[in-house]
Structures are given as C-alpha cells and as structure tokens.
Amino acid sequence: MVRVVTDSNAHLSVPLREKYKIGFVPLQFLFGTRAFRDEVDMSNEQFFHMLKHEKVHPTTSAPAPADFIQVWKPLLEAGEEVVSVCLPSGLSATYSSAVNAKAQMEQEHGEPLPITVVDGKWLSMAQGFQCLEGARVAMAGGSSQDVVKAITALDERISLVFLLDTLEYLKRGGRIGKAQAWLGTMFNVKPILEIAHARVEPLERVRSRKAGLARLLELVQTPPLTNGPRKGEGALHIAVLHARAPEAAQQLEDELRARFNIAEIVRAEIGPTIAVHTGPDALGLAFYRD
C-alpha cells in the first residue's frame, strides 16, 4: 500500500490523519533561539499567548532530514511505499530537506527506495485536501503514480483565501509580497488575500469583519481567483480555517452549509507555522469542487 506523508502546514487534524493513515512530520518555529516542533512541543493556545506577549517575533524552520527518515523508515520496513507532500520549495526548505533525506536513505541502502517527494504548491488545508485526495486513492489500492496524480490534479482547481485582522504579522514575517502597497492605508480596514502557488496576492480591503465574512462567502460562489471553481460545478469540498476565532469559524460554517451543496466540510485551526504570518483572529477558506 502507498502511504501519504505530509507536514504540519497541511493543518490536518489527528482524527483525519488517523482515518486516512497519513504520516506526519512537524515543522518548527522559533522564538529567538528557542525551537519548538509544531503540534508536539506547544499547544496552539500557548503559541498565541507567546505571539501576543513575546518581544521577539517568531520565525519558522524546516524539519531536518532525520525528521523525515524517522517517519518514513517504519513505513518502508512495513513494506509500504511513501508519497511525501511538502511545503512549496519557494517558501520553505522543507522540500529540500525531504529530498536530502531520501538521498541519505538510498545511499545507506545502496539502491532506490519507493519514496516520492512532492514539491507542493499550496499551504494550509489546500495542501491538506490534496493529501486527503491522495490518501483516498492509496486506500483504494492505487499505485504511487496514481496517488501523485490525484494530488497534483488539484493544483489548478483549488483556492485559498484569508481574511486578516491586520497586515502587521505578514509584514513582520517577511511574506507580505504585493500587499506591501496597502501598508499605511490599513487603519480599521481588513485585508483579504489569496495565497496561490506560493504567492501572496492581495484581493481587496473591507471596512469591517462582518463585511469580510460576507465577502469570503461571495468568493466561494463566484471567485475572481487564480484557481476559481466555476459556478454551478459539482459539490463543494471546503475547509474553514481560523486563528483562535472559533465563533466566527462556526458562523462561516453555518452559512456555507445553508448556501452550498457540500460534499465535505472541515474545520481547522491555523497552526503556528502559518499563524506567524496571519496573526490571531485570521479566517480562511480552502475549497474546490468535484
């Protein structure tokens, strides 16, 4: 059987990872010189407390090759093949670390190993949905090539948008991109951003959180996005993402269920390696249609 492995950027919950037999490699974040493994060394609640109160802004770090080997090795020993989906190489050294891990293992074994490393194009549950699609194919008996095909087939179909409370954290994290032009004009205005193919694309600004929530719902219906699913196509797969904003996430989920034909809906809290850039109170949607 083929086993999908991903990192904590995908925001897949433990129950989802267990249900679909998805392996997990934690990314890392640092406050100064103190390093923590995402989902392992600190809870999200503790992280957001530190994000608010620490003087130093956290940074993120890729897993070491040894972290991948630790997850892959028992799978290979059990006779499994591995498809490992990584953060985009344009944003992180995670993919490079995974490639190095594969090379190390093959050098030790003296032969090629059934490991495929995928350089992802998406973040958060956009990557998570790709992993779920791949895992479903794997559980149905698909080959590693079938699994990779299922994963990459979503590259041009999925969309990922965020409503931020402020651009300050994106600025501090160095990922502000084209939204730089909005700095200095953002007093009491909420930015809506698209993240597509490892790029941050500013979409628009709204005057209130309420208006932002309404606009997110409109973007699902008629998205002027890089990869917008066209109106009227199949049932919707969607993830509601939030950074310590469960009530707003529930409101979004309720509205989505009322308005759309839902094939699958997932709620996920934005973890530290993404939240260092979004800050608290951010909301997001990752979605595609059948």
Protein backbone atom coordinates (compact mmCIF):
# COMPACT_ATOMS: atom_id res chain seq x y z
CA MET A 1 0.00 0.00 0.00
CA VAL A 2 1.03 3.60 -0.58
CA ARG A 3 1.16 5.92 2.41
CA VAL A 4 0.85 9.69 2.13
CA VAL A 5 3.06 11.73 4.46
CA THR A 6 2.78 15.49 4.96
CA ASP A 7 3.87 18.25 7.32
CA SER A 8 2.04 20.28 9.93
CA ASN A 9 1.45 23.08 7.43
CA ALA A 10 -1.40 21.00 5.99
CA HIS A 11 -3.49 21.58 9.15
CA LEU A 12 -4.88 18.05 9.10
CA SER A 13 -6.30 17.09 12.47
CA VAL A 14 -5.14 13.96 14.28
CA PRO A 15 -8.50 12.20 13.62
CA LEU A 16 -8.23 12.92 9.87
CA ARG A 17 -4.63 11.75 9.74
CA GLU A 18 -5.57 8.56 11.56
CA LYS A 19 -8.64 7.93 9.42
CA TYR A 20 -6.68 8.25 6.17
CA LYS A 21 -3.41 6.77 7.51
CA ILE A 22 -1.47 9.93 6.70
CA GLY A 23 2.03 10.25 8.15
CA PHE A 24 3.07 13.47 9.85
CA VAL A 25 6.35 15.42 10.02
CA PRO A 26 6.21 18.51 12.29
CA LEU A 27 7.57 21.81 11.08
CA GLN A 28 9.39 24.00 13.58
CA PHE A 29 9.03 27.55 14.84
CA LEU A 30 11.41 29.57 16.94
CA PHE A 31 11.10 32.38 19.47
CA GLY A 32 14.64 33.71 19.37
CA THR A 33 16.86 30.68 19.88
CA ARG A 34 14.13 28.53 21.43
CA ALA A 35 12.89 25.96 18.91
CA PHE A 36 9.55 24.16 19.11
CA ARG A 37 8.03 21.40 16.98
CA ASP A 38 4.58 22.27 15.65
CA GLU A 39 1.81 20.26 17.37
CA VAL A 40 4.38 18.46 19.54
CA ASP A 41 6.12 20.85 21.92
CA MET A 42 3.46 23.51 22.37
CA SER A 43 -0.30 23.88 22.05
CA ASN A 44 -1.84 26.49 19.77
CA GLU A 45 -3.17 28.27 22.85
CA GLN A 46 0.34 28.57 24.28
CA PHE A 47 1.71 29.73 20.93
CA PHE A 48 -0.81 32.54 20.51
CA HIS A 49 -0.16 33.68 24.08
CA MET A 50 3.56 33.91 23.29
CA LEU A 51 2.86 35.58 19.93
CA LYS A 52 0.98 38.30 21.78
CA HIS A 53 3.36 38.79 24.69
CA GLU A 54 6.88 37.94 23.49
CA LYS A 55 9.00 40.86 22.32
CA VAL A 56 10.66 38.81 19.57
CA HIS A 57 8.59 37.77 16.55
CA PRO A 58 8.74 34.02 15.88
CA THR A 59 10.31 32.53 12.79
CA THR A 60 9.75 29.16 11.12
CA SER A 61 12.15 26.38 10.24
CA ALA A 62 12.05 23.28 8.05
CA PRO A 63 12.32 19.79 9.52
CA ALA A 64 15.74 18.17 9.38
CA PRO A 65 16.29 15.18 7.05
CA ALA A 66 16.36 12.99 10.15
CA ASP A 67 12.77 14.02 10.93
CA PHE A 68 11.60 12.65 7.58
CA ILE A 69 13.66 9.49 7.98
CA GLN A 70 12.10 8.87 11.39
CA VAL A 71 8.62 8.86 9.82
CA TRP A 72 9.46 7.10 6.54
CA LYS A 73 11.66 4.29 7.88
CA PRO A 74 8.98 2.28 9.72
CA LEU A 75 6.63 2.62 6.75
CA LEU A 76 9.24 1.23 4.37
CA GLU A 77 10.10 -1.55 6.81
CA ALA A 78 6.41 -2.49 6.82
CA GLY A 79 6.51 -2.83 3.03
CA GLU A 80 4.74 0.46 2.30
CA GLU A 81 5.55 2.95 -0.44
CA VAL A 82 5.77 6.62 0.53
CA VAL A 83 4.46 9.76 -1.16
CA SER A 84 5.64 12.74 0.90
CA VAL A 85 3.94 16.09 0.20
CA CYS A 86 5.94 19.14 1.25
CA LEU A 87 5.52 22.87 1.64
CA PRO A 88 6.32 24.73 -1.60
CA SER A 89 10.05 24.98 -2.20
CA GLY A 90 9.57 28.67 -2.97
CA LEU A 91 8.54 29.29 0.63
CA SER A 92 10.44 26.76 2.69
CA ALA A 93 13.44 24.44 2.76
CA THR A 94 11.13 21.55 3.70
CA TYR A 95 11.15 20.05 0.20
CA SER A 96 14.95 20.26 0.01
CA SER A 97 15.23 18.59 3.40
CA ALA A 98 12.96 15.75 2.27
CA VAL A 99 14.97 15.26 -0.94
CA ASN A 100 18.14 15.08 1.14
CA ALA A 101 16.51 12.57 3.47
CA LYS A 102 15.62 10.33 0.54
CA ALA A 103 19.17 10.57 -0.82
CA GLN A 104 20.63 9.64 2.56
CA MET A 105 18.39 6.60 2.90
CA GLU A 106 19.12 5.40 -0.63
CA GLN A 107 22.85 5.82 -0.07
CA GLU A 108 22.64 3.72 3.10
CA HIS A 109 20.59 1.01 1.36
CA GLY A 110 22.63 1.10 -1.83
CA GLU A 111 19.50 1.08 -4.02
CA PRO A 112 16.49 3.23 -4.95
CA LEU A 113 13.66 3.27 -2.43
CA PRO A 114 9.90 3.64 -3.10
CA ILE A 115 9.75 7.24 -1.88
CA THR A 116 8.25 10.05 -3.98
CA VAL A 117 8.77 13.59 -2.70
CA VAL A 118 6.21 16.11 -3.99
CA ASP A 119 7.06 19.81 -4.10
CA GLY A 120 3.69 21.21 -3.09
CA LYS A 121 2.16 24.40 -4.45
CA TRP A 122 -0.26 25.17 -1.64
CA LEU A 123 -0.48 25.96 2.06
CA SER A 124 -2.74 25.02 4.92
CA MET A 125 -5.83 22.92 4.13
CA ALA A 126 -5.34 23.47 0.40
CA GLN A 127 -2.38 21.13 0.85
CA GLY A 128 -4.44 19.15 3.33
CA PHE A 129 -7.15 18.47 0.75
CA GLN A 130 -4.51 17.29 -1.71
CA CYS A 131 -3.24 14.83 0.88
CA LEU A 132 -6.77 13.58 1.58
CA GLU A 133 -7.37 13.02 -2.13
CA GLY A 134 -4.10 11.14 -2.45
CA ALA A 135 -4.80 9.06 0.64
CA ARG A 136 -8.23 8.05 -0.67
CA VAL A 137 -6.63 6.79 -3.87
CA ALA A 138 -3.98 4.95 -1.85
CA MET A 139 -6.58 3.28 0.38
CA ALA A 140 -8.45 2.16 -2.74
CA GLY A 141 -5.33 0.33 -3.90
CA GLY A 142 -3.84 2.94 -6.21
CA SER A 143 -0.16 2.99 -7.12
CA SER A 144 2.22 5.74 -6.05
CA GLN A 145 1.83 7.23 -9.54
CA ASP A 146 -1.95 7.24 -9.09
CA VAL A 147 -1.59 8.95 -5.73
CA VAL A 148 0.71 11.66 -7.08
CA LYS A 149 -1.66 12.22 -10.00
CA ALA A 150 -4.59 12.69 -7.60
CA ILE A 151 -2.58 15.15 -5.53
CA THR A 152 -1.33 17.27 -8.41
CA ALA A 153 -4.71 17.21 -10.17
CA LEU A 154 -5.94 19.68 -7.54
CA ASP A 155 -3.13 22.16 -8.23
CA GLU A 156 -5.24 24.02 -10.78
CA ARG A 157 -8.63 23.53 -9.11
CA ILE A 158 -8.21 24.59 -5.51
CA SER A 159 -8.49 28.08 -3.99
CA LEU A 160 -7.20 29.51 -0.71
CA VAL A 161 -8.23 32.88 0.70
CA PHE A 162 -7.69 34.59 4.05
CA LEU A 163 -9.32 37.49 5.87
CA LEU A 164 -6.75 39.05 8.20
CA ASP A 165 -7.35 41.34 11.14
CA THR A 166 -4.14 43.19 10.30
CA LEU A 167 -1.21 43.10 7.88
CA GLU A 168 1.26 43.60 10.72
CA TYR A 169 2.14 39.93 11.19
CA LEU A 170 2.57 39.35 7.46
CA LYS A 171 4.94 42.30 7.42
CA ARG A 172 6.91 41.02 10.41
CA GLY A 173 7.16 37.55 8.88
CA GLY A 174 8.54 38.89 5.60
CA ARG A 175 5.80 37.34 3.42
CA ILE A 176 3.81 40.46 2.62
CA GLY A 177 4.57 40.46 -1.13
CA LYS A 178 2.31 42.67 -3.24
CA ALA A 179 0.23 43.59 -0.18
CA GLN A 180 3.14 45.89 0.75
CA ALA A 181 1.31 48.60 -1.20
CA TRP A 182 -1.50 48.52 1.36
CA LEU A 183 0.70 49.38 4.33
CA GLY A 184 -0.01 52.81 5.71
CA THR A 185 -3.59 52.74 4.39
CA MET A 186 -4.96 49.96 6.57
CA PHE A 187 -6.34 51.75 9.65
CA ASN A 188 -9.52 49.89 10.63
CA VAL A 189 -9.53 48.09 7.28
CA LYS A 190 -9.33 44.29 6.90
CA PRO A 191 -7.29 42.79 4.05
CA ILE A 192 -8.48 39.80 2.03
CA LEU A 193 -5.63 37.85 0.45
CA GLU A 194 -5.32 34.92 -1.88
CA ILE A 195 -2.41 32.52 -1.48
CA ALA A 196 -1.82 30.70 -4.74
CA HIS A 197 1.20 28.75 -5.97
CA ALA A 198 3.34 30.02 -3.07
CA ARG A 199 2.48 33.69 -3.73
CA VAL A 200 0.54 36.16 -1.59
CA GLU A 201 -1.89 38.07 -3.79
CA PRO A 202 -3.89 40.99 -2.32
CA LEU A 203 -7.53 40.80 -3.43
CA GLU A 204 -9.33 43.64 -1.71
CA ARG A 205 -9.93 45.57 1.51
CA VAL A 206 -13.11 45.67 3.55
CA ARG A 207 -14.21 48.05 6.27
CA SER A 208 -15.30 45.54 8.87
CA ARG A 209 -15.01 41.92 9.89
CA LYS A 210 -18.70 41.44 9.10
CA ALA A 211 -18.14 42.68 5.55
CA GLY A 212 -15.10 40.43 5.29
CA LEU A 213 -17.08 37.33 6.26
CA ALA A 214 -19.73 38.18 3.68
CA ARG A 215 -17.06 38.67 1.02
CA LEU A 216 -15.43 35.31 1.76
CA LEU A 217 -18.77 33.63 1.10
CA GLU A 218 -19.13 35.54 -2.18
CA LEU A 219 -15.67 34.39 -3.26
CA VAL A 220 -16.76 30.78 -2.90
CA GLN A 221 -19.73 31.43 -5.18
CA THR A 222 -18.00 33.49 -7.89
CA PRO A 223 -14.28 33.55 -7.14
CA PRO A 224 -12.10 36.02 -9.10
CA LEU A 225 -9.15 33.87 -8.15
CA THR A 226 -6.18 32.13 -9.72
CA ASN A 227 -7.93 28.77 -9.47
CA GLY A 228 -11.60 29.53 -9.07
CA PRO A 229 -14.03 26.62 -9.35
CA ARG A 230 -16.66 27.80 -11.81
CA LYS A 231 -20.13 28.47 -10.53
CA GLY A 232 -22.53 25.57 -10.86
CA GLU A 233 -20.00 22.74 -10.96
CA GLY A 234 -20.04 19.77 -8.55
CA ALA A 235 -20.38 19.55 -4.80
CA LEU A 236 -18.08 21.69 -2.69
CA HIS A 237 -15.15 20.48 -0.61
CA ILE A 238 -14.26 23.27 1.81
CA ALA A 239 -12.21 23.90 4.92
CA VAL A 240 -12.96 26.70 7.35
CA LEU A 241 -9.71 27.96 8.88
CA HIS A 242 -9.32 30.17 11.92
CA ALA A 243 -6.64 31.54 14.24
CA ARG A 244 -8.26 31.42 17.68
CA ALA A 245 -11.59 32.60 16.26
CA PRO A 246 -13.91 29.60 16.73
CA GLU A 247 -17.15 31.59 16.89
CA ALA A 248 -16.51 33.33 13.58
CA ALA A 249 -15.48 29.99 12.07
CA GLN A 250 -18.74 28.44 13.24
CA GLN A 251 -20.67 31.33 11.69
CA LEU A 252 -18.89 30.76 8.39
CA GLU A 253 -19.54 27.03 8.52
CA ASP A 254 -23.25 27.55 9.22
CA GLU A 255 -23.57 29.95 6.27
CA LEU A 256 -21.70 27.59 3.96
CA ARG A 257 -23.96 24.68 4.87
CA ALA A 258 -27.03 26.83 4.24
CA ARG A 259 -25.90 28.16 0.86
CA PHE A 260 -23.95 25.42 -0.89
CA ASN A 261 -24.10 21.77 -1.88
CA ILE A 262 -21.40 20.45 0.45
CA ALA A 263 -19.54 17.23 -0.27
CA GLU A 264 -17.07 17.69 2.58
CA ILE A 265 -16.50 20.39 5.19
CA VAL A 266 -13.57 20.54 7.57
CA ARG A 267 -12.83 22.94 10.41
CA ALA A 268 -9.15 23.55 11.15
CA GLU A 269 -7.27 25.89 13.45
CA ILE A 270 -4.40 27.73 11.81
CA GLY A 271 -1.21 26.44 13.36
CA PRO A 272 1.95 28.31 14.38
CA THR A 273 3.89 27.99 11.12
CA ILE A 274 1.11 29.84 9.26
CA ALA A 275 -0.10 31.98 12.17
CA VAL A 276 3.29 33.68 12.48
CA HIS A 277 2.25 35.42 9.23
CA THR A 278 -1.53 35.78 9.67
CA GLY A 279 -1.62 36.70 13.34
CA PRO A 280 -4.58 35.97 15.63
CA ASP A 281 -8.23 36.30 14.56
CA ALA A 282 -7.49 35.42 10.93
CA LEU A 283 -10.06 33.42 8.98
CA GLY A 284 -9.60 31.45 5.81
CA LEU A 285 -11.26 29.15 3.30
CA ALA A 286 -9.68 26.41 1.21
CA PHE A 287 -12.06 24.95 -1.37
CA TYR A 288 -12.61 23.10 -4.62
CA ARG A 289 -15.48 21.35 -6.37
CA ASP A 290 -15.93 17.80 -7.61
